[in-house]
Amino acid sequence: MTDITIYHNPSCGTSRNTLALIRNSGVEPAIILYLENPPSRDELITMIAGMGICVRALVRKNVEPYEKLGLSDDKFSDDALLDAMLAYPILINRPIVVTPKGTRLCRPSEIVLDILPDAQKGAFTKEDGEKVIDETGQLIIKGGSL
């Protein structure tokens, strides 16, 4: 049984890259397809607290319900924003990864490296061709490796 969970949307490149980075550490995470099985209100609140972000920071802005509901207006309380995300899970930004080392919104996907318990096992290249991890499992920094 794994102790890593990803709230995943397989249609999202960032989510697919994050899942691949988790797998590159030698772990098969629990995958929650959050559009089909959204988190409960309590789970969402716990994840937001674990990320140390405000509720609004988790709301995805570039989807239809955001504009339709007028969520850009500051009049919406945290409870109202949570209600909107629960009613329209597409409003939950993703991917969210939960590990024993923390919870993160992994945008960009490399953020997941900060909370993975195990090191990368080999080279990794994102779907767009960007090399992220070298053949020794080290993060590639522009201009060299760490």
Protein backbone atom coordinates (compact mmCIF):
# COMPACT_ATOMS: atom_id res chain seq x y z
CA MET A 1 0.00 0.00 0.00
CA THR A 2 1.29 3.43 -0.90
CA ASP A 3 1.41 6.49 1.30
CA ILE A 4 1.31 8.87 -1.66
CA THR A 5 -1.93 10.10 -3.16
CA ILE A 6 -2.40 12.20 -6.28
CA TYR A 7 -5.62 13.99 -7.14
CA HIS A 8 -5.27 13.52 -10.85
CA ASN A 9 -6.83 14.61 -14.12
CA PRO A 10 -5.46 12.40 -16.92
CA SER A 11 -6.43 15.07 -19.47
CA CYS A 12 -3.94 17.51 -17.91
CA GLY A 13 -0.29 17.43 -19.01
CA THR A 14 0.94 18.84 -15.70
CA SER A 15 -0.97 16.13 -13.85
CA ARG A 16 0.43 13.41 -16.14
CA ASN A 17 3.98 14.72 -15.68
CA THR A 18 3.54 14.84 -11.89
CA LEU A 19 2.27 11.25 -11.84
CA ALA A 20 5.24 10.18 -13.98
CA LEU A 21 7.68 11.88 -11.57
CA ILE A 22 6.11 10.02 -8.65
CA ARG A 23 6.46 6.75 -10.55
CA ASN A 24 10.07 7.67 -11.44
CA SER A 25 10.78 7.57 -7.70
CA GLY A 26 9.76 3.90 -7.69
CA VAL A 27 6.31 4.39 -6.16
CA GLU A 28 2.87 3.65 -7.53
CA PRO A 29 0.63 6.22 -5.82
CA ALA A 30 -3.04 6.01 -4.99
CA ILE A 31 -4.66 7.84 -7.91
CA ILE A 32 -7.88 9.72 -7.28
CA LEU A 33 -9.60 10.89 -10.44
CA TYR A 34 -10.99 13.91 -8.64
CA LEU A 35 -13.42 14.89 -11.41
CA GLU A 36 -15.18 11.54 -10.94
CA ASN A 37 -14.52 11.19 -7.19
CA PRO A 38 -14.10 14.67 -5.75
CA PRO A 39 -12.75 15.10 -2.24
CA SER A 40 -15.20 15.77 0.56
CA ARG A 41 -15.43 19.23 2.09
CA ASP A 42 -13.34 18.06 5.06
CA GLU A 43 -10.70 16.49 2.78
CA LEU A 44 -10.51 19.67 0.72
CA ILE A 45 -10.13 21.82 3.85
CA THR A 46 -7.42 19.48 5.18
CA MET A 47 -5.50 19.61 1.88
CA ILE A 48 -5.72 23.41 1.71
CA ALA A 49 -4.44 23.68 5.28
CA GLY A 50 -1.66 21.18 4.51
CA MET A 51 -0.57 23.26 1.54
CA GLY A 52 -0.60 26.43 3.63
CA ILE A 53 -2.59 28.31 1.01
CA CYS A 54 -5.84 30.22 1.06
CA VAL A 55 -8.97 28.67 -0.40
CA ARG A 56 -8.97 31.07 -3.36
CA ALA A 57 -5.45 29.93 -4.34
CA LEU A 58 -6.83 26.47 -5.12
CA VAL A 59 -9.64 27.72 -7.35
CA ARG A 60 -8.91 27.15 -11.02
CA LYS A 61 -9.65 30.31 -12.96
CA ASN A 62 -9.44 29.30 -16.62
CA VAL A 63 -12.55 27.12 -16.73
CA GLU A 64 -16.12 28.04 -17.64
CA PRO A 65 -17.74 27.76 -14.20
CA TYR A 66 -15.32 30.35 -12.79
CA GLU A 67 -16.58 33.13 -15.06
CA LYS A 68 -20.17 31.88 -15.12
CA LEU A 69 -20.35 31.96 -11.32
CA GLY A 70 -18.53 35.31 -11.12
CA LEU A 71 -15.93 33.86 -8.76
CA SER A 72 -13.42 36.60 -9.51
CA ASP A 73 -15.55 38.87 -7.30
CA ASP A 74 -14.02 39.27 -3.84
CA LYS A 75 -17.47 38.99 -2.25
CA PHE A 76 -17.19 35.18 -2.10
CA SER A 77 -16.28 33.77 1.30
CA ASP A 78 -14.04 30.74 1.72
CA ASP A 79 -17.18 28.68 2.39
CA ALA A 80 -18.77 29.87 -0.86
CA LEU A 81 -15.59 29.05 -2.79
CA LEU A 82 -15.50 25.58 -1.22
CA ASP A 83 -19.15 25.10 -2.16
CA ALA A 84 -18.33 26.04 -5.77
CA MET A 85 -15.38 23.60 -5.93
CA LEU A 86 -17.51 20.81 -4.50
CA ALA A 87 -20.36 21.53 -6.93
CA TYR A 88 -17.95 21.90 -9.88
CA PRO A 89 -14.80 19.81 -9.21
CA ILE A 90 -13.23 21.19 -12.42
CA LEU A 91 -12.70 24.35 -10.32
CA ILE A 92 -10.21 22.48 -8.10
CA ASN A 93 -6.73 23.22 -9.39
CA ARG A 94 -4.55 20.18 -9.87
CA PRO A 95 -2.62 18.03 -9.41
CA ILE A 96 -2.63 17.87 -5.64
CA VAL A 97 -0.20 15.37 -4.13
CA VAL A 98 -0.27 14.18 -0.52
CA THR A 99 2.77 12.38 0.94
CA PRO A 100 4.15 11.86 4.46
CA LYS A 101 6.38 14.87 3.73
CA GLY A 102 3.54 17.25 2.90
CA THR A 103 0.78 18.30 0.57
CA ARG A 104 1.36 20.39 -2.55
CA LEU A 105 -0.39 21.79 -5.57
CA CYS A 106 2.16 20.60 -8.12
CA ARG A 107 2.18 23.40 -10.65
CA PRO A 108 4.73 23.10 -12.14
CA SER A 109 5.05 19.34 -11.84
CA GLU A 110 8.59 19.50 -10.40
CA ILE A 111 7.17 20.81 -7.11
CA VAL A 112 6.32 17.19 -6.30
CA LEU A 113 10.05 16.50 -5.87
CA ASP A 114 9.98 18.54 -2.63
CA ILE A 115 7.60 16.08 -0.95
CA LEU A 116 8.57 12.70 -2.41
CA PRO A 117 10.10 10.42 0.22
CA ASP A 118 12.27 8.61 -2.33
CA ALA A 119 14.79 9.96 -4.83
CA GLN A 120 14.29 9.79 -8.58
CA LYS A 121 15.49 6.50 -10.06
CA GLY A 122 16.64 7.80 -13.43
CA ALA A 123 16.24 10.37 -16.16
CA PHE A 124 12.89 12.08 -16.72
CA THR A 125 11.71 14.26 -19.57
CA LYS A 126 8.35 16.03 -19.55
CA GLU A 127 5.85 15.38 -22.32
CA ASP A 128 6.85 18.67 -23.96
CA GLY A 129 10.47 17.50 -24.24
CA GLU A 130 11.85 19.48 -21.28
CA LYS A 131 14.49 17.42 -19.44
CA VAL A 132 13.86 17.63 -15.70
CA ILE A 133 15.88 14.79 -14.15
CA ASP A 134 19.27 13.61 -15.41
CA GLU A 135 20.39 9.99 -15.73
CA THR A 136 21.72 10.00 -12.15
CA GLY A 137 18.32 11.04 -10.77
CA GLN A 138 19.31 14.65 -10.10
CA LEU A 139 17.14 17.68 -10.84
CA ILE A 140 18.39 19.55 -13.88
CA ILE A 141 18.77 23.24 -13.25
CA LYS A 142 19.13 25.56 -16.22
CA GLY A 143 22.85 25.61 -16.80
CA GLY A 144 23.56 22.29 -15.00
CA SER A 145 22.50 19.80 -12.32
CA LEU A 146 22.27 20.27 -8.56
